[in-house]
Amino acid sequence: MFRENADPVDCPLKGPFSFTYNRGHGDCKIPASSIESCTEDSRLLLNYQACPDVYGSESTVEELECLATWKEGSLRFLVGKLHHNHATSNEDRFRCFVYEKTNGIASGPSLKENPTPPGGIEYRVAQSGDATCNGLSSATEGSRTMALKRVSMRFNCQFPSWMTFSHTWHTLDFTSNYTFYQRNATLRITNQTGSEIKVYCVNVKASSPSGNSVALRVSLRVCGSVPARHIHRGAAAGRPDPEAGRGLLPPPLQCGHSTLHHLSRK
């Protein structure tokens, strides 16, 4: 029995991962599926790929909202709510998961401390077939099972120094804050409601000899009640865009098509 209006909790698994899955008709390995963390720590985005040679596999996107975690003996449980196109009722949305770290349980609730050999399976996950935890006795037996491998996130560029000489910026009306992290490769945007956007510097496209203008390609992952898409934004930027704090993003950047947006340094 799950409470419908439970407050979300931080997901114990932090993306990005690649994974294979099995729904009882064989492992869907090629192409690999992927898991990405959302801007909210309580949500994960699961991108399932269809394998031509595996019956029952399909290409679909599910957003998992984590609602509760606990441990029973050696088993670790997660209850979540899945948002996807096929879900029409809470019976379809609520699911229970058992997960384990393959090289031993790490310290702390997030299970992310112990190292895993490069390319090795880091987690095994089993999912229930209905809105209960009945029948889940291991991370290798369930209606759907998954094997997760860690994917390294590499920052290939840094935001320009004339943006990061101050690590914190704010809009003129003080409704949004911009903070640079991770050696100036990550920008975090927050507003008064507590909403958060993470922006990663992926590639510097061009820069002028004077250094007054630089084109940046950044990638945002925004998750909501419907599956989000990657949103790419380019910026010839000096100061963070004040409009990016409203909503949190202006309409063209809210889970829409790829957009190139230019900012100018004053």
Protein backbone atom coordinates (compact mmCIF):
# COMPACT_ATOMS: atom_id res chain seq x y z
CA MET A 1 0.00 0.00 0.00
CA PHE A 2 1.51 3.32 -1.09
CA ARG A 3 0.48 6.82 -0.09
CA GLU A 4 -0.57 8.82 -3.15
CA ASN A 5 0.61 12.27 -2.05
CA ALA A 6 3.90 11.30 -0.44
CA ASP A 7 6.71 13.85 -0.54
CA PRO A 8 9.54 12.82 -2.87
CA VAL A 9 12.97 11.82 -1.55
CA ASP A 10 16.41 11.95 -3.14
CA CYS A 11 16.91 9.00 -5.47
CA PRO A 12 19.58 6.62 -4.13
CA LEU A 13 21.01 6.09 -7.62
CA LYS A 14 22.67 9.07 -9.25
CA GLY A 15 23.04 9.10 -13.03
CA PRO A 16 24.30 9.00 -15.63
CA PHE A 17 24.22 5.25 -16.30
CA SER A 18 23.96 3.00 -19.32
CA PHE A 19 21.98 -0.18 -18.73
CA THR A 20 20.62 -3.38 -20.17
CA TYR A 21 17.18 -4.70 -19.23
CA ASN A 22 15.21 -7.93 -19.33
CA ARG A 23 11.42 -8.32 -19.28
CA GLY A 24 11.50 -12.10 -19.38
CA HIS A 25 12.42 -12.57 -23.04
CA GLY A 26 16.17 -12.02 -22.92
CA ASP A 27 18.57 -9.17 -22.26
CA CYS A 28 18.14 -6.04 -24.35
CA LYS A 29 21.79 -5.02 -24.71
CA ILE A 30 22.24 -3.37 -28.10
CA PRO A 31 21.56 -0.52 -28.32
CA ALA A 32 22.18 0.26 -24.64
CA SER A 33 19.55 2.15 -22.65
CA SER A 34 20.43 5.09 -20.41
CA ILE A 35 19.53 6.75 -17.11
CA GLU A 36 20.07 10.44 -16.46
CA SER A 37 19.65 12.49 -13.31
CA CYS A 38 17.21 15.37 -13.49
CA THR A 39 17.67 18.83 -12.05
CA GLU A 40 15.60 17.60 -9.10
CA ASP A 41 17.47 14.98 -7.07
CA SER A 42 14.18 13.12 -6.53
CA ARG A 43 13.80 12.27 -10.24
CA LEU A 44 15.54 10.07 -12.79
CA LEU A 45 14.94 9.82 -16.52
CA LEU A 46 15.02 6.28 -17.96
CA ASN A 47 15.53 6.05 -21.71
CA TYR A 48 14.68 2.51 -22.86
CA GLN A 49 15.90 1.34 -26.26
CA ALA A 50 14.29 -1.35 -28.40
CA CYS A 51 16.41 -4.37 -29.36
CA PRO A 52 15.39 -5.89 -32.72
CA ASP A 53 16.12 -9.43 -31.55
CA VAL A 54 14.39 -9.22 -28.13
CA TYR A 55 10.62 -9.72 -27.96
CA GLY A 56 8.82 -7.20 -25.76
CA SER A 57 11.56 -4.58 -25.81
CA GLU A 58 10.48 -1.09 -26.83
CA SER A 59 11.82 2.41 -27.18
CA THR A 60 10.22 4.55 -24.51
CA VAL A 61 11.02 7.20 -21.91
CA GLU A 62 9.95 6.91 -18.28
CA GLU A 63 10.47 9.46 -15.55
CA LEU A 64 10.92 7.97 -12.09
CA GLU A 65 9.96 10.05 -9.07
CA CYS A 66 11.51 8.53 -5.93
CA LEU A 67 9.13 8.45 -2.95
CA ALA A 68 10.64 6.16 -0.28
CA THR A 69 13.68 4.00 0.45
CA TRP A 70 14.34 1.44 3.18
CA LYS A 71 16.34 -1.67 3.98
CA GLU A 72 15.09 -5.12 4.99
CA GLY A 73 17.93 -7.42 5.92
CA SER A 74 20.35 -7.34 2.99
CA LEU A 75 17.74 -5.96 0.57
CA ARG A 76 17.39 -2.29 -0.26
CA PHE A 77 14.01 -1.09 -1.53
CA LEU A 78 12.85 1.93 -3.47
CA VAL A 79 9.25 2.95 -4.12
CA GLY A 80 8.69 5.32 -6.99
CA LYS A 81 6.12 6.79 -9.30
CA LEU A 82 6.68 6.30 -13.03
CA HIS A 83 5.47 8.97 -15.42
CA HIS A 84 5.11 7.72 -18.98
CA ASN A 85 2.66 7.71 -21.87
CA HIS A 86 1.16 4.30 -21.05
CA ALA A 87 0.28 5.13 -17.43
CA THR A 88 -3.42 5.91 -16.97
CA SER A 89 -3.85 5.24 -13.23
CA ASN A 90 -1.82 5.01 -10.03
CA GLU A 91 -1.85 1.23 -10.44
CA ASP A 92 0.23 1.81 -13.57
CA ARG A 93 2.47 4.47 -12.03
CA PHE A 94 3.52 3.12 -8.63
CA ARG A 95 6.31 0.54 -8.70
CA CYS A 96 8.65 -1.07 -6.19
CA PHE A 97 12.35 -1.71 -6.83
CA VAL A 98 15.07 -3.78 -5.17
CA TYR A 99 18.62 -2.66 -5.89
CA GLU A 100 22.12 -3.72 -4.91
CA LYS A 101 25.63 -2.53 -5.54
CA THR A 102 27.50 -5.35 -7.21
CA ASN A 103 30.84 -4.87 -5.43
CA GLY A 104 29.32 -4.72 -1.96
CA ILE A 105 27.10 -2.25 -0.16
CA ALA A 106 28.73 1.16 0.10
CA SER A 107 28.52 3.33 3.17
CA GLY A 108 25.74 5.88 3.30
CA PRO A 109 22.22 5.85 1.87
CA SER A 110 23.21 6.77 -1.68
CA LEU A 111 25.39 3.69 -2.26
CA LYS A 112 27.92 5.59 -4.33
CA GLU A 113 31.16 5.42 -2.35
CA ASN A 114 32.82 2.17 -3.37
CA PRO A 115 34.64 2.18 -6.70
CA THR A 116 33.61 -0.07 -9.56
CA PRO A 117 36.05 -1.33 -12.20
CA PRO A 118 35.76 0.69 -15.44
CA GLY A 119 33.10 -0.79 -17.69
CA GLY A 120 31.80 -3.08 -14.96
CA ILE A 121 28.22 -3.46 -13.76
CA GLU A 122 27.75 -1.18 -10.75
CA TYR A 123 24.13 -1.86 -9.76
CA ARG A 124 21.52 -4.53 -10.34
CA VAL A 125 17.87 -3.50 -10.08
CA ALA A 126 14.62 -5.50 -10.10
CA GLN A 127 11.22 -3.87 -10.66
CA SER A 128 7.82 -5.10 -9.55
CA GLY A 129 5.08 -5.81 -12.07
CA ASP A 130 2.36 -4.02 -10.11
CA ALA A 131 1.89 -1.35 -7.44
CA THR A 132 3.24 -3.57 -4.62
CA CYS A 133 6.56 -4.96 -3.41
CA ASN A 134 5.17 -8.51 -3.38
CA GLY A 135 7.49 -11.11 -4.84
CA LEU A 136 10.61 -8.94 -4.91
CA SER A 137 13.20 -11.06 -3.11
CA SER A 138 16.40 -10.08 -4.93
CA ALA A 139 17.81 -7.56 -7.38
CA THR A 140 17.99 -10.23 -10.10
CA GLU A 141 14.35 -11.40 -10.11
CA GLY A 142 11.43 -9.19 -11.05
CA SER A 143 8.99 -8.20 -13.76
CA ARG A 144 11.85 -6.19 -15.24
CA THR A 145 15.51 -6.44 -14.26
CA MET A 146 18.31 -4.03 -15.09
CA ALA A 147 22.11 -4.01 -14.97
CA LEU A 148 23.55 -0.50 -14.62
CA LYS A 149 27.00 0.71 -15.67
CA ARG A 150 28.37 4.09 -14.67
CA VAL A 151 28.90 6.62 -17.45
CA SER A 152 31.56 9.23 -16.81
CA MET A 153 30.50 12.83 -17.20
CA ARG A 154 33.33 14.82 -18.74
CA PHE A 155 33.47 18.58 -18.80
CA ASN A 156 35.20 19.62 -22.01
CA CYS A 157 35.26 23.35 -21.41
CA GLN A 158 34.90 26.09 -18.84
CA PHE A 159 32.73 29.15 -18.78
CA PRO A 160 34.78 32.27 -19.66
CA SER A 161 36.66 34.03 -16.90
CA TRP A 162 34.69 37.24 -17.31
CA MET A 163 31.61 35.25 -16.28
CA THR A 164 33.23 33.37 -13.41
CA PHE A 165 35.38 36.03 -11.76
CA SER A 166 32.38 36.23 -9.42
CA HIS A 167 31.10 32.74 -8.60
CA THR A 168 27.60 34.00 -7.77
CA TRP A 169 25.34 36.24 -9.86
CA HIS A 170 21.73 37.29 -9.41
CA THR A 171 19.05 38.90 -11.54
CA LEU A 172 18.29 42.58 -11.05
CA ASP A 173 15.04 41.76 -9.27
CA PHE A 174 16.83 39.18 -7.05
CA THR A 175 14.42 36.41 -8.02
CA SER A 176 17.13 34.08 -9.37
CA ASN A 177 20.71 33.21 -8.46
CA TYR A 178 23.47 31.84 -10.70
CA THR A 179 26.36 29.95 -9.10
CA PHE A 180 29.37 28.41 -10.84
CA TYR A 181 30.75 25.04 -9.64
CA GLN A 182 33.04 22.19 -10.73
CA ARG A 183 36.03 24.29 -11.80
CA ASN A 184 33.77 26.69 -13.66
CA ALA A 185 32.29 23.94 -15.85
CA THR A 186 28.86 23.85 -14.18
CA LEU A 187 26.32 26.62 -13.65
CA ARG A 188 23.47 26.17 -11.19
CA ILE A 189 20.41 28.41 -11.51
CA THR A 190 17.94 28.65 -8.61
CA ASN A 191 14.90 30.81 -7.94
CA GLN A 192 12.81 31.81 -4.93
CA THR A 193 10.61 28.72 -5.13
CA GLY A 194 13.61 26.42 -4.72
CA SER A 195 13.52 25.19 -8.32
CA GLU A 196 16.89 24.41 -9.81
CA ILE A 197 18.49 24.14 -13.24
CA LYS A 198 21.98 22.73 -13.89
CA VAL A 199 23.84 23.94 -16.95
CA TYR A 200 26.99 22.15 -18.15
CA CYS A 201 29.61 23.58 -20.42
CA VAL A 202 30.05 21.00 -23.18
CA ASN A 203 32.01 22.80 -25.87
CA VAL A 204 33.36 26.25 -26.62
CA LYS A 205 32.32 26.92 -30.21
CA ALA A 206 34.24 30.15 -30.87
CA SER A 207 35.75 33.17 -29.18
CA SER A 208 36.89 36.57 -30.33
CA PRO A 209 40.54 37.62 -29.98
CA SER A 210 39.53 40.31 -27.50
CA GLY A 211 37.82 37.79 -25.27
CA ASN A 212 34.68 39.90 -25.14
CA SER A 213 32.56 37.28 -26.83
CA VAL A 214 32.46 33.50 -26.65
CA ALA A 215 29.99 30.96 -28.00
CA LEU A 216 29.12 28.21 -25.57
CA ARG A 217 27.13 25.05 -26.08
CA VAL A 218 25.44 23.93 -22.90
CA SER A 219 23.05 21.10 -22.18
CA LEU A 220 20.12 21.21 -19.78
CA ARG A 221 18.07 18.36 -18.39
CA VAL A 222 14.72 19.56 -17.12
CA CYS A 223 12.25 16.97 -15.86
CA GLY A 224 8.60 17.49 -15.08
CA SER A 225 5.31 15.67 -15.29
CA VAL A 226 6.13 14.74 -18.89
CA PRO A 227 9.44 13.35 -20.13
CA ALA A 228 11.90 16.14 -20.84
CA ARG A 229 14.27 16.42 -23.75
CA HIS A 230 17.84 17.54 -24.02
CA ILE A 231 17.86 21.25 -24.57
CA HIS A 232 20.92 22.79 -26.18
CA ARG A 233 21.66 26.41 -25.73
CA GLY A 234 24.46 28.45 -27.25
CA ALA A 235 25.47 31.76 -25.76
CA ALA A 236 27.67 34.61 -26.79
CA ALA A 237 27.52 35.57 -23.20
CA GLY A 238 28.86 38.05 -20.70
CA ARG A 239 26.36 37.97 -17.88
CA PRO A 240 23.79 35.24 -17.20
CA ASP A 241 20.50 35.85 -18.98
CA PRO A 242 18.04 37.44 -16.50
CA GLU A 243 15.14 35.78 -18.30
CA ALA A 244 16.58 32.33 -17.57
CA GLY A 245 15.44 32.68 -13.99
CA ARG A 246 11.80 33.11 -14.81
CA GLY A 247 10.02 29.93 -14.93
CA LEU A 248 12.99 28.82 -14.50
CA LEU A 249 13.67 29.10 -18.23
CA PRO A 250 12.07 31.23 -20.94
CA PRO A 251 9.43 29.34 -22.95
CA PRO A 252 11.72 28.43 -25.89
CA LEU A 253 13.97 26.50 -23.49
CA GLN A 254 11.35 24.68 -21.43
CA CYS A 255 11.53 21.09 -22.67
CA GLY A 256 11.21 22.23 -26.25
CA HIS A 257 13.25 22.01 -29.41
CA SER A 258 16.97 22.71 -29.55
CA THR A 259 17.50 26.43 -29.31
CA LEU A 260 20.45 28.71 -29.94
CA HIS A 261 20.17 31.80 -27.80
CA HIS A 262 22.66 34.67 -27.80
CA LEU A 263 23.58 36.87 -24.88
CA SER A 264 25.92 39.85 -25.17
CA ARG A 265 28.40 41.19 -22.73
CA LYS A 266 27.73 44.73 -21.56
